[in-house]
């Protein structure tokens, strides 16, 4: 068999899976309220591709969507509402007359938006990694992880915003940009989880031998 034929087939299969996953994400996000469960399912499939060398798309997507539906709705709907409220506040503050109060409100709200975006980076990965955590501890863990590796948090936010910008310029990219962005972002977040795990193992080792 021609080696290049095998590589070409493998590449085409991967690209097809990315498009299928992205279309599933769009389809399941149509009700808007289910955008978080759909995103959790998409990232869950990406996780399986990365860690388990899984190649399927539809079955794992549906399984994760069903399994995480209730939890992701309980977290996702209020979380999206908070994001919408922050965006609305910023819009209002930018339209009030110039002055110290306007500047102070914009700076404070922008800082809160940054914290919100950083926490959002890890919220779904934490949801996929921790099955038994309740909502409040999950958000706390996502918040803590976002400051554990700030370069990763910045990178994921920039990549996500860039993806939205690309779609606005070239709408056709919507057929694959979501899944591709999820793949890139998951690799960054997985690296942070590995750092945390390595750090915890080192601490446990030191504690075992020193106390």
N, C-alpha and C. Protein backbone atom coordinates (compact mmCIF):
# COMPACT_ATOMS: atom_id res chain seq x y z
N UNK A 1 0.84 -1.20 0.00
CA UNK A 1 0.00 0.00 0.00
C UNK A 1 0.88 1.25 0.00
N UNK A 2 0.51 2.25 -0.75
CA UNK A 2 1.24 3.51 -0.80
C UNK A 2 1.09 4.24 0.54
N UNK A 3 2.24 4.60 1.12
CA UNK A 3 2.23 5.27 2.42
C UNK A 3 1.46 6.58 2.35
N UNK A 4 1.64 7.30 1.26
CA UNK A 4 0.98 8.59 1.13
C UNK A 4 -0.54 8.45 1.04
N UNK A 5 -0.97 7.33 0.40
CA UNK A 5 -2.41 7.07 0.34
C UNK A 5 -2.98 6.89 1.74
N UNK A 6 -2.22 6.17 2.59
CA UNK A 6 -2.66 5.94 3.96
C UNK A 6 -2.72 7.23 4.75
N UNK A 7 -1.70 8.08 4.59
CA UNK A 7 -1.68 9.36 5.31
C UNK A 7 -2.79 10.28 4.82
N UNK A 8 -3.01 10.26 3.51
CA UNK A 8 -4.07 11.10 2.94
C UNK A 8 -5.43 10.69 3.46
N UNK A 9 -5.67 9.36 3.50
CA UNK A 9 -6.95 8.84 4.00
C UNK A 9 -7.15 9.20 5.46
N UNK A 10 -6.06 9.10 6.24
CA UNK A 10 -6.14 9.42 7.66
C UNK A 10 -6.45 10.90 7.87
N UNK A 11 -5.80 11.74 7.08
CA UNK A 11 -6.03 13.19 7.18
C UNK A 11 -7.45 13.55 6.78
N UNK A 12 -7.92 12.95 5.68
CA UNK A 12 -9.29 13.22 5.22
C UNK A 12 -10.32 12.75 6.24
N UNK A 13 -10.04 11.60 6.88
CA UNK A 13 -10.94 11.08 7.90
C UNK A 13 -11.01 12.02 9.09
N UNK A 14 -9.85 12.56 9.49
CA UNK A 14 -9.80 13.50 10.62
C UNK A 14 -10.56 14.79 10.29
N UNK A 15 -10.35 15.29 9.07
CA UNK A 15 -11.04 16.51 8.65
C UNK A 15 -12.55 16.30 8.59
N UNK A 16 -12.95 15.12 8.10
CA UNK A 16 -14.39 14.79 8.04
C UNK A 16 -14.99 14.73 9.43
N UNK A 17 -14.26 14.12 10.37
CA UNK A 17 -14.73 14.03 11.75
C UNK A 17 -14.88 15.42 12.39
N UNK A 18 -13.94 16.31 12.07
CA UNK A 18 -14.00 17.68 12.60
C UNK A 18 -15.25 18.38 12.10
N UNK A 19 -15.54 18.24 10.80
CA UNK A 19 -16.72 18.89 10.22
C UNK A 19 -18.00 18.29 10.81
N UNK A 20 -18.05 16.96 10.93
CA UNK A 20 -19.25 16.30 11.49
C UNK A 20 -19.48 16.74 12.93
N UNK A 21 -18.40 16.76 13.72
CA UNK A 21 -18.51 17.19 15.12
C UNK A 21 -19.00 18.64 15.20
N UNK A 22 -18.46 19.48 14.34
CA UNK A 22 -18.86 20.88 14.33
C UNK A 22 -20.33 21.04 13.96
N UNK A 23 -20.79 20.27 12.98
CA UNK A 23 -22.20 20.35 12.56
C UNK A 23 -23.13 19.84 13.66
N UNK A 24 -22.69 18.81 14.38
CA UNK A 24 -23.48 18.31 15.51
C UNK A 24 -23.58 19.39 16.59
N UNK A 25 -22.47 20.05 16.84
CA UNK A 25 -22.46 21.13 17.84
C UNK A 25 -23.43 22.24 17.45
N UNK A 26 -23.40 22.64 16.18
CA UNK A 26 -24.32 23.69 15.71
C UNK A 26 -25.77 23.23 15.83
N UNK A 27 -26.04 22.00 15.40
CA UNK A 27 -27.41 21.47 15.44
C UNK A 27 -27.95 21.43 16.86
N UNK A 28 -27.16 20.94 17.80
CA UNK A 28 -27.62 20.81 19.19
C UNK A 28 -27.60 22.14 19.93
N UNK A 29 -26.97 23.17 19.34
CA UNK A 29 -26.94 24.49 19.96
C UNK A 29 -28.08 25.38 19.49
N UNK A 30 -28.82 24.93 18.48
CA UNK A 30 -29.88 25.76 17.88
C UNK A 30 -30.89 26.29 18.89
N UNK A 31 -31.31 25.48 19.88
CA UNK A 31 -32.26 26.04 20.87
C UNK A 31 -31.65 27.14 21.76
N UNK A 32 -30.36 27.47 21.56
CA UNK A 32 -29.61 28.47 22.32
C UNK A 32 -29.37 28.04 23.77
N UNK A 33 -30.45 27.64 24.45
CA UNK A 33 -30.32 27.25 25.86
C UNK A 33 -29.44 26.01 25.99
N UNK A 34 -29.32 25.23 24.92
CA UNK A 34 -28.51 24.00 24.98
C UNK A 34 -27.10 24.19 24.43
N UNK A 35 -26.69 25.44 24.24
CA UNK A 35 -25.36 25.67 23.67
C UNK A 35 -24.25 25.16 24.59
N UNK A 36 -24.45 25.27 25.91
CA UNK A 36 -23.42 24.78 26.85
C UNK A 36 -23.36 23.25 26.85
N UNK A 37 -24.52 22.52 26.97
CA UNK A 37 -24.45 21.07 26.86
C UNK A 37 -23.84 20.60 25.54
N UNK A 38 -24.15 21.30 24.45
CA UNK A 38 -23.59 20.94 23.14
C UNK A 38 -22.08 21.16 23.12
N UNK A 39 -21.65 22.24 23.74
CA UNK A 39 -20.21 22.53 23.79
C UNK A 39 -19.49 21.53 24.68
N UNK A 40 -20.12 21.15 25.79
CA UNK A 40 -19.54 20.13 26.67
C UNK A 40 -19.38 18.82 25.91
N UNK A 41 -20.40 18.45 25.14
CA UNK A 41 -20.34 17.21 24.35
C UNK A 41 -19.24 17.31 23.31
N UNK A 42 -19.11 18.45 22.65
CA UNK A 42 -18.07 18.62 21.63
C UNK A 42 -16.67 18.50 22.25
N UNK A 43 -16.45 19.18 23.36
CA UNK A 43 -15.14 19.12 24.03
C UNK A 43 -14.89 17.71 24.57
N UNK A 44 -15.96 17.04 25.01
CA UNK A 44 -15.83 15.66 25.48
C UNK A 44 -15.35 14.72 24.38
N UNK A 45 -15.87 14.91 23.18
CA UNK A 45 -15.43 14.10 22.04
C UNK A 45 -13.97 14.41 21.71
N UNK A 46 -13.62 15.68 21.74
CA UNK A 46 -12.23 16.09 21.50
C UNK A 46 -11.30 15.45 22.53
N UNK A 47 -11.76 15.40 23.78
CA UNK A 47 -10.98 14.77 24.84
C UNK A 47 -10.75 13.29 24.55
N UNK A 48 -11.79 12.61 24.07
CA UNK A 48 -11.65 11.20 23.72
C UNK A 48 -10.70 11.01 22.55
N UNK A 49 -10.76 11.91 21.58
CA UNK A 49 -9.81 11.85 20.47
C UNK A 49 -8.38 11.99 20.97
N UNK A 50 -8.19 12.90 21.89
CA UNK A 50 -6.85 13.23 22.37
C UNK A 50 -6.28 12.18 23.32
N UNK A 51 -7.10 11.71 24.26
CA UNK A 51 -6.60 10.82 25.30
C UNK A 51 -6.81 9.34 25.01
N UNK A 52 -7.92 9.02 24.34
CA UNK A 52 -8.26 7.61 24.12
C UNK A 52 -8.10 7.18 22.67
N UNK A 53 -7.63 8.09 21.83
CA UNK A 53 -7.46 7.80 20.40
C UNK A 53 -8.76 7.33 19.77
N UNK A 54 -9.86 7.81 20.33
CA UNK A 54 -11.20 7.51 19.80
C UNK A 54 -11.36 8.20 18.44
N UNK A 55 -12.03 7.51 17.50
CA UNK A 55 -12.22 8.11 16.18
C UNK A 55 -13.69 8.34 15.86
N UNK A 56 -14.58 7.82 16.69
CA UNK A 56 -16.00 8.01 16.43
C UNK A 56 -16.44 9.42 16.83
N UNK A 57 -17.59 9.82 16.30
CA UNK A 57 -18.09 11.16 16.59
C UNK A 57 -19.50 11.12 17.17
N UNK A 58 -20.44 10.57 16.42
CA UNK A 58 -21.86 10.64 16.79
C UNK A 58 -22.16 9.97 18.12
N UNK A 59 -21.75 8.72 18.29
CA UNK A 59 -22.10 7.98 19.51
C UNK A 59 -21.53 8.64 20.76
N UNK A 60 -20.22 8.96 20.82
CA UNK A 60 -19.71 9.62 22.03
C UNK A 60 -20.33 10.99 22.26
N UNK A 61 -20.63 11.72 21.18
CA UNK A 61 -21.26 13.03 21.33
C UNK A 61 -22.62 12.90 22.01
N UNK A 62 -23.44 11.97 21.54
CA UNK A 62 -24.78 11.78 22.11
C UNK A 62 -24.69 11.29 23.55
N UNK A 63 -23.75 10.39 23.83
CA UNK A 63 -23.57 9.87 25.19
C UNK A 63 -23.21 10.98 26.17
N UNK A 64 -22.23 11.79 25.80
CA UNK A 64 -21.79 12.87 26.69
C UNK A 64 -22.88 13.92 26.83
N UNK A 65 -23.58 14.23 25.73
CA UNK A 65 -24.65 15.22 25.78
C UNK A 65 -25.73 14.79 26.78
N UNK A 66 -26.14 13.53 26.71
CA UNK A 66 -27.17 13.01 27.63
C UNK A 66 -26.66 12.99 29.07
N UNK A 67 -25.43 12.54 29.24
CA UNK A 67 -24.86 12.38 30.59
C UNK A 67 -24.66 13.73 31.29
N UNK A 68 -24.27 14.75 30.53
CA UNK A 68 -23.94 16.05 31.11
C UNK A 68 -25.05 17.08 30.93
N UNK A 69 -26.18 16.70 30.35
CA UNK A 69 -27.23 17.67 30.02
C UNK A 69 -27.71 18.45 31.24
N UNK A 70 -28.13 17.74 32.30
CA UNK A 70 -28.69 18.41 33.47
C UNK A 70 -27.65 19.32 34.14
N UNK A 71 -26.47 18.78 34.37
CA UNK A 71 -25.42 19.54 35.06
C UNK A 71 -25.00 20.77 34.25
N UNK A 72 -24.83 20.59 32.94
CA UNK A 72 -24.37 21.71 32.12
C UNK A 72 -25.45 22.77 31.94
N UNK A 73 -26.73 22.37 32.01
CA UNK A 73 -27.80 23.36 31.96
C UNK A 73 -27.85 24.16 33.26
N UNK A 74 -27.68 23.47 34.38
CA UNK A 74 -27.70 24.14 35.69
C UNK A 74 -26.58 25.15 35.82
N UNK A 75 -25.42 24.83 35.23
CA UNK A 75 -24.29 25.75 35.27
C UNK A 75 -24.36 26.74 34.10
N UNK A 76 -24.63 26.22 32.92
CA UNK A 76 -24.52 27.00 31.70
C UNK A 76 -25.50 28.15 31.56
N UNK A 77 -26.76 27.91 31.88
CA UNK A 77 -27.77 28.95 31.70
C UNK A 77 -27.48 30.17 32.58
N UNK A 78 -27.27 29.99 33.90
CA UNK A 78 -26.92 31.15 34.72
C UNK A 78 -25.60 31.79 34.29
N UNK A 79 -24.64 30.97 33.89
CA UNK A 79 -23.34 31.48 33.48
C UNK A 79 -23.45 32.36 32.24
N UNK A 80 -24.24 31.93 31.27
CA UNK A 80 -24.45 32.72 30.06
C UNK A 80 -25.21 34.01 30.38
N UNK A 81 -26.14 33.93 31.31
CA UNK A 81 -26.90 35.12 31.72
C UNK A 81 -25.98 36.15 32.38
N UNK A 82 -25.03 35.66 33.19
CA UNK A 82 -24.06 36.56 33.82
C UNK A 82 -23.22 37.24 32.74
N UNK A 83 -22.78 36.46 31.76
CA UNK A 83 -21.98 37.00 30.66
C UNK A 83 -22.75 38.06 29.88
N UNK A 84 -24.03 37.78 29.61
CA UNK A 84 -24.87 38.73 28.87
C UNK A 84 -25.06 40.02 29.68
N UNK A 85 -25.22 39.86 31.00
CA UNK A 85 -25.39 41.02 31.88
C UNK A 85 -24.14 41.89 31.90
N UNK A 86 -22.97 41.25 31.96
CA UNK A 86 -21.71 41.99 31.96
C UNK A 86 -21.53 42.76 30.64
N UNK A 87 -21.88 42.09 29.54
CA UNK A 87 -21.78 42.73 28.23
C UNK A 87 -22.73 43.93 28.13
N UNK A 88 -23.93 43.74 28.67
CA UNK A 88 -24.92 44.84 28.68
C UNK A 88 -24.42 46.01 29.51
N UNK A 89 -23.84 45.69 30.68
CA UNK A 89 -23.31 46.75 31.55
C UNK A 89 -22.22 47.55 30.85
N UNK A 90 -21.31 46.83 30.18
CA UNK A 90 -20.23 47.52 29.47
C UNK A 90 -20.78 48.45 28.40
N UNK A 91 -21.78 47.97 27.67
CA UNK A 91 -22.41 48.78 26.62
C UNK A 91 -23.02 50.05 27.20
N UNK A 92 -23.70 49.89 28.32
CA UNK A 92 -24.32 51.05 28.98
C UNK A 92 -23.26 52.03 29.46
N UNK A 93 -22.19 51.52 30.10
CA UNK A 93 -21.16 52.38 30.65
C UNK A 93 -20.40 53.15 29.56
N UNK A 94 -20.24 52.53 28.39
CA UNK A 94 -19.55 53.21 27.30
C UNK A 94 -20.39 54.34 26.71
N UNK A 95 -21.67 54.32 27.00
CA UNK A 95 -22.57 55.32 26.42
C UNK A 95 -22.96 56.43 27.39
N UNK A 96 -22.44 56.38 28.62
CA UNK A 96 -22.74 57.47 29.56
C UNK A 96 -21.72 58.58 29.35
N UNK A 97 -22.01 59.81 29.81
CA UNK A 97 -21.10 60.95 29.59
C UNK A 97 -19.70 60.69 30.15
N UNK A 98 -18.70 61.26 29.50
CA UNK A 98 -17.31 61.10 29.93
C UNK A 98 -17.10 61.69 31.34
N UNK A 99 -16.26 61.00 32.08
CA UNK A 99 -15.97 61.46 33.42
C UNK A 99 -15.34 60.36 34.25
N UNK A 100 -15.00 60.68 35.50
CA UNK A 100 -14.33 59.70 36.37
C UNK A 100 -15.22 58.48 36.64
N UNK A 101 -16.51 58.73 36.88
CA UNK A 101 -17.43 57.63 37.18
C UNK A 101 -17.50 56.65 36.01
N UNK A 102 -17.61 57.20 34.79
CA UNK A 102 -17.66 56.36 33.58
C UNK A 102 -16.41 55.49 33.48
N UNK A 103 -15.23 56.13 33.64
CA UNK A 103 -13.97 55.41 33.53
C UNK A 103 -13.86 54.33 34.61
N UNK A 104 -14.24 54.67 35.84
CA UNK A 104 -14.16 53.71 36.94
C UNK A 104 -15.06 52.50 36.68
N UNK A 105 -16.29 52.76 36.22
CA UNK A 105 -17.23 51.67 35.95
C UNK A 105 -16.72 50.78 34.83
N UNK A 106 -16.14 51.38 33.79
CA UNK A 106 -15.62 50.60 32.66
C UNK A 106 -14.44 49.74 33.08
N UNK A 107 -13.53 50.31 33.87
CA UNK A 107 -12.34 49.58 34.32
C UNK A 107 -12.74 48.41 35.22
N UNK A 108 -13.61 48.67 36.18
CA UNK A 108 -14.04 47.62 37.12
C UNK A 108 -14.78 46.51 36.38
N UNK A 109 -15.71 46.89 35.50
CA UNK A 109 -16.49 45.89 34.76
C UNK A 109 -15.60 45.10 33.81
N UNK A 110 -14.64 45.77 33.18
CA UNK A 110 -13.71 45.08 32.27
C UNK A 110 -12.88 44.05 33.03
N UNK A 111 -12.49 44.39 34.24
CA UNK A 111 -11.73 43.45 35.08
C UNK A 111 -12.59 42.24 35.42
N UNK A 112 -13.85 42.48 35.77
CA UNK A 112 -14.77 41.38 36.08
C UNK A 112 -15.00 40.51 34.83
N UNK A 113 -15.11 41.14 33.67
CA UNK A 113 -15.27 40.40 32.41
C UNK A 113 -14.06 39.50 32.17
N UNK A 114 -12.86 40.03 32.46
CA UNK A 114 -11.64 39.24 32.28
C UNK A 114 -11.65 38.02 33.20
N UNK A 115 -12.04 38.22 34.45
CA UNK A 115 -12.15 37.09 35.40
C UNK A 115 -13.18 36.08 34.90
N UNK A 116 -14.28 36.59 34.37
CA UNK A 116 -15.35 35.74 33.83
C UNK A 116 -14.83 34.90 32.67
N UNK A 117 -14.10 35.53 31.76
CA UNK A 117 -13.57 34.81 30.59
C UNK A 117 -12.53 33.78 31.00
N UNK A 118 -11.65 34.15 31.95
CA UNK A 118 -10.64 33.21 32.42
C UNK A 118 -11.28 31.98 33.06
N UNK A 119 -12.29 32.21 33.89
CA UNK A 119 -12.98 31.09 34.54
C UNK A 119 -13.70 30.23 33.50
N UNK A 120 -14.26 30.88 32.49
CA UNK A 120 -14.98 30.15 31.43
C UNK A 120 -14.06 29.19 30.68
N UNK A 121 -12.77 29.55 30.58
CA UNK A 121 -11.80 28.71 29.88
C UNK A 121 -11.77 27.29 30.44
N UNK A 122 -11.85 27.18 31.78
CA UNK A 122 -11.69 25.87 32.42
C UNK A 122 -13.00 25.25 32.90
N UNK A 123 -14.09 25.97 32.76
CA UNK A 123 -15.35 25.48 33.31
C UNK A 123 -15.78 24.16 32.67
N UNK A 124 -15.72 24.09 31.36
CA UNK A 124 -16.12 22.86 30.67
C UNK A 124 -15.11 21.73 30.88
N UNK A 125 -13.79 21.98 30.74
CA UNK A 125 -12.84 20.91 31.06
C UNK A 125 -12.99 20.36 32.48
N UNK A 126 -13.26 21.24 33.46
CA UNK A 126 -13.47 20.78 34.84
C UNK A 126 -14.74 19.94 34.91
N UNK A 127 -15.78 20.36 34.20
CA UNK A 127 -17.04 19.63 34.18
C UNK A 127 -16.84 18.21 33.63
N UNK A 128 -15.95 18.08 32.67
CA UNK A 128 -15.68 16.77 32.07
C UNK A 128 -14.75 15.92 32.93
N UNK A 129 -13.88 16.58 33.69
CA UNK A 129 -12.92 15.85 34.53
C UNK A 129 -13.48 15.43 35.87
N UNK A 130 -14.41 16.23 36.39
CA UNK A 130 -14.95 15.97 37.74
C UNK A 130 -16.44 15.63 37.65
N UNK A 131 -16.76 14.38 37.93
CA UNK A 131 -18.16 13.94 37.81
C UNK A 131 -19.01 14.25 39.04
N UNK A 132 -18.36 14.38 40.19
CA UNK A 132 -19.14 14.48 41.43
C UNK A 132 -19.13 15.87 42.07
N UNK A 133 -18.42 16.80 41.46
CA UNK A 133 -18.37 18.14 42.04
C UNK A 133 -19.70 18.87 41.86
N UNK A 134 -20.08 19.62 42.89
CA UNK A 134 -21.27 20.45 42.78
C UNK A 134 -20.91 21.74 42.06
N UNK A 135 -21.91 22.55 41.76
CA UNK A 135 -21.72 23.72 40.92
C UNK A 135 -20.70 24.71 41.51
N UNK A 136 -20.88 25.07 42.78
CA UNK A 136 -20.00 26.08 43.39
C UNK A 136 -18.54 25.63 43.43
N UNK A 137 -18.23 24.40 43.91
CA UNK A 137 -16.83 23.95 43.89
C UNK A 137 -16.26 23.86 42.48
N UNK A 138 -17.11 23.54 41.50
CA UNK A 138 -16.66 23.44 40.12
C UNK A 138 -16.21 24.80 39.58
N UNK A 139 -17.01 25.83 39.88
CA UNK A 139 -16.66 27.18 39.44
C UNK A 139 -15.39 27.65 40.16
N UNK A 140 -15.29 27.32 41.46
CA UNK A 140 -14.09 27.69 42.22
C UNK A 140 -12.84 27.04 41.64
N UNK A 141 -12.96 25.77 41.25
CA UNK A 141 -11.82 25.06 40.69
C UNK A 141 -11.43 25.65 39.34
N UNK A 142 -12.44 25.97 38.52
CA UNK A 142 -12.17 26.57 37.21
C UNK A 142 -11.47 27.92 37.39
N UNK A 143 -11.93 28.70 38.38
CA UNK A 143 -11.34 30.01 38.67
C UNK A 143 -9.88 29.84 39.10
N UNK A 144 -9.62 28.88 39.98
CA UNK A 144 -8.26 28.66 40.48
C UNK A 144 -7.34 28.21 39.34
N UNK A 145 -7.82 27.32 38.50
CA UNK A 145 -7.01 26.82 37.37
C UNK A 145 -6.66 27.94 36.40
N UNK A 146 -7.58 28.88 36.24
CA UNK A 146 -7.34 29.97 35.29
C UNK A 146 -6.15 30.84 35.69
N UNK A 147 -5.86 30.90 37.00
CA UNK A 147 -4.73 31.70 37.47
C UNK A 147 -3.50 30.83 37.73
N UNK A 148 -3.67 29.53 37.66
CA UNK A 148 -2.52 28.63 37.83
C UNK A 148 -1.58 28.75 36.63
N UNK A 149 -2.18 28.94 35.45
CA UNK A 149 -1.38 29.06 34.22
C UNK A 149 -1.97 30.20 33.39
N UNK A 150 -1.64 31.43 33.74
CA UNK A 150 -2.21 32.61 33.08
C UNK A 150 -1.94 32.66 31.58
N UNK A 151 -0.74 32.29 31.10
CA UNK A 151 -0.52 32.31 29.65
C UNK A 151 -1.51 31.45 28.88
N UNK A 152 -1.86 30.29 29.45
CA UNK A 152 -2.84 29.42 28.80
C UNK A 152 -4.20 30.09 28.77
N UNK A 153 -4.59 30.69 29.88
CA UNK A 153 -5.89 31.38 29.93
C UNK A 153 -5.97 32.48 28.89
N UNK A 154 -4.91 33.29 28.80
CA UNK A 154 -4.86 34.35 27.79
C UNK A 154 -4.94 33.75 26.38
N UNK A 155 -4.17 32.70 26.16
CA UNK A 155 -4.12 32.08 24.83
C UNK A 155 -5.48 31.56 24.39
N UNK A 156 -6.16 30.87 25.30
CA UNK A 156 -7.47 30.31 24.95
C UNK A 156 -8.49 31.40 24.66
N UNK A 157 -8.47 32.46 25.47
CA UNK A 157 -9.38 33.59 25.24
C UNK A 157 -9.10 34.23 23.87
N UNK A 158 -7.82 34.45 23.57
CA UNK A 158 -7.43 35.06 22.29
C UNK A 158 -7.82 34.17 21.12
N UNK A 159 -7.58 32.87 21.24
CA UNK A 159 -7.92 31.92 20.17
C UNK A 159 -9.42 31.91 19.92
N UNK A 160 -10.21 31.90 21.00
CA UNK A 160 -11.67 31.86 20.88
C UNK A 160 -12.20 33.14 20.24
N UNK A 161 -11.69 34.28 20.71
CA UNK A 161 -12.12 35.57 20.12
C UNK A 161 -11.71 35.65 18.66
N UNK A 162 -10.52 35.15 18.35
CA UNK A 162 -10.04 35.15 16.97
C UNK A 162 -10.92 34.28 16.08
N UNK A 163 -11.36 33.14 16.62
CA UNK A 163 -12.25 32.25 15.86
C UNK A 163 -13.57 32.94 15.54
N UNK A 164 -14.11 33.66 16.52
CA UNK A 164 -15.36 34.41 16.30
C UNK A 164 -15.16 35.48 15.23
N UNK A 165 -14.00 36.14 15.28
CA UNK A 165 -13.67 37.18 14.30
C UNK A 165 -13.55 36.58 12.90
N UNK A 166 -12.91 35.42 12.79
CA UNK A 166 -12.76 34.75 11.50
C UNK A 166 -14.12 34.39 10.91
N UNK A 167 -15.01 33.87 11.75
CA UNK A 167 -16.36 33.51 11.28
C UNK A 167 -17.11 34.75 10.79
N UNK A 168 -16.93 35.87 11.49
CA UNK A 168 -17.61 37.11 11.08
C UNK A 168 -17.11 37.59 9.72
N UNK A 169 -15.83 37.33 9.42
CA UNK A 169 -15.26 37.73 8.13
C UNK A 169 -15.54 36.71 7.04
N UNK A 170 -15.45 35.43 7.41
CA UNK A 170 -15.65 34.34 6.43
C UNK A 170 -16.67 33.36 7.00
N UNK A 171 -17.95 33.64 6.83
CA UNK A 171 -19.03 32.81 7.41
C UNK A 171 -18.95 31.32 7.08
N UNK A 172 -18.36 30.99 5.93
CA UNK A 172 -18.27 29.57 5.54
C UNK A 172 -17.45 28.76 6.53
N UNK A 173 -16.54 29.42 7.27
CA UNK A 173 -15.69 28.70 8.22
C UNK A 173 -16.47 28.16 9.41
N UNK A 174 -17.73 28.56 9.52
CA UNK A 174 -18.55 28.09 10.64
C UNK A 174 -18.74 26.58 10.62
N UNK A 175 -18.51 25.96 9.46
CA UNK A 175 -18.72 24.50 9.36
C UNK A 175 -17.62 23.70 10.06
N UNK A 176 -16.52 24.35 10.41
CA UNK A 176 -15.45 23.60 11.08
C UNK A 176 -14.76 24.36 12.22
N UNK A 177 -14.96 25.67 12.30
CA UNK A 177 -14.17 26.50 13.22
C UNK A 177 -14.42 26.17 14.70
N UNK A 178 -15.66 25.79 15.04
CA UNK A 178 -15.97 25.48 16.43
C UNK A 178 -15.20 24.28 16.95
N UNK A 179 -15.25 23.19 16.19
CA UNK A 179 -14.56 21.96 16.60
C UNK A 179 -13.05 22.14 16.57
N UNK A 180 -12.56 22.86 15.56
CA UNK A 180 -11.12 23.11 15.46
C UNK A 180 -10.63 23.94 16.65
N UNK A 181 -11.40 24.94 17.02
CA UNK A 181 -11.05 25.78 18.18
C UNK A 181 -11.07 24.95 19.46
N UNK A 182 -12.08 24.07 19.58
CA UNK A 182 -12.17 23.21 20.76
C UNK A 182 -10.95 22.29 20.86
N UNK A 183 -10.47 21.79 19.72
CA UNK A 183 -9.30 20.91 19.71
C UNK A 183 -8.05 21.64 20.19
N UNK A 184 -7.86 22.85 19.67
CA UNK A 184 -6.68 23.63 20.05
C UNK A 184 -6.75 24.02 21.53
N UNK A 185 -7.92 24.52 21.94
CA UNK A 185 -8.06 24.96 23.33
C UNK A 185 -7.93 23.81 24.31
N UNK A 186 -8.46 22.63 23.95
CA UNK A 186 -8.37 21.50 24.87
C UNK A 186 -6.92 21.10 25.11
N UNK A 187 -6.11 21.16 24.06
CA UNK A 187 -4.70 20.81 24.22
C UNK A 187 -4.01 21.75 25.22
N UNK A 188 -4.35 23.03 25.15
CA UNK A 188 -3.80 24.00 26.11
C UNK A 188 -4.25 23.66 27.52
N UNK A 189 -5.56 23.44 27.70
CA UNK A 189 -6.12 23.17 29.03
C UNK A 189 -5.60 21.85 29.60
N UNK A 190 -5.45 20.85 28.74
CA UNK A 190 -4.95 19.55 29.19
C UNK A 190 -3.53 19.70 29.73
N UNK A 191 -2.76 20.57 29.13
CA UNK A 191 -1.40 20.82 29.60
C UNK A 191 -1.42 21.38 31.02
N UNK A 192 -2.38 22.25 31.30
CA UNK A 192 -2.50 22.82 32.64
C UNK A 192 -2.87 21.74 33.65
N UNK A 193 -3.84 20.86 33.26
CA UNK A 193 -4.22 19.76 34.15
C UNK A 193 -3.02 18.86 34.45
N UNK A 194 -2.18 18.63 33.46
CA UNK A 194 -0.99 17.80 33.67
C UNK A 194 -0.02 18.48 34.63
N UNK A 195 0.13 19.80 34.51
CA UNK A 195 1.01 20.54 35.41
C UNK A 195 0.51 20.45 36.85
N UNK A 196 -0.82 20.62 37.01
CA UNK A 196 -1.42 20.55 38.35
C UNK A 196 -1.23 19.16 38.94
N UNK A 197 -1.46 18.15 38.13
CA UNK A 197 -1.32 16.76 38.59
C UNK A 197 0.11 16.47 38.98
N UNK A 198 1.06 16.93 38.17
CA UNK A 198 2.48 16.73 38.47
C UNK A 198 2.87 17.46 39.76
N UNK A 199 2.35 18.67 39.93
CA UNK A 199 2.62 19.46 41.14
C UNK A 199 2.08 18.77 42.38
N UNK A 200 0.85 18.24 42.27
CA UNK A 200 0.23 17.54 43.41
C UNK A 200 0.98 16.26 43.76
N UNK A 201 1.46 15.55 42.73
CA UNK A 201 2.22 14.33 42.97
C UNK A 201 3.54 14.65 43.66
N UNK A 202 4.17 15.74 43.24
CA UNK A 202 5.44 16.15 43.86
C UNK A 202 5.23 16.52 45.33
N UNK A 203 4.15 17.25 45.60
CA UNK A 203 3.83 17.63 46.98
C UNK A 203 3.57 16.40 47.83
N UNK A 204 2.84 15.43 47.28
CA UNK A 204 2.54 14.20 48.01
C UNK A 204 3.81 13.42 48.29
N UNK A 205 4.71 13.40 47.30
CA UNK A 205 5.99 12.69 47.47
C UNK A 205 6.84 13.32 48.58
N UNK A 206 6.92 14.67 48.56
CA UNK A 206 7.69 15.40 49.56
C UNK A 206 7.10 15.17 50.95
N UNK A 207 5.77 15.26 51.03
CA UNK A 207 5.10 15.06 52.33
C UNK A 207 5.34 13.67 52.87
N UNK A 208 5.34 12.68 51.98
CA UNK A 208 5.52 11.28 52.40
C UNK A 208 6.90 11.05 52.97
N UNK A 209 7.91 11.70 52.40
CA UNK A 209 9.28 11.45 52.79
C UNK A 209 9.83 12.43 53.83
N UNK A 210 9.07 13.51 54.08
CA UNK A 210 9.58 14.51 55.02
C UNK A 210 8.79 14.62 56.33
N UNK A 211 7.64 13.97 56.37
CA UNK A 211 6.81 14.12 57.58
C UNK A 211 6.49 12.75 58.17
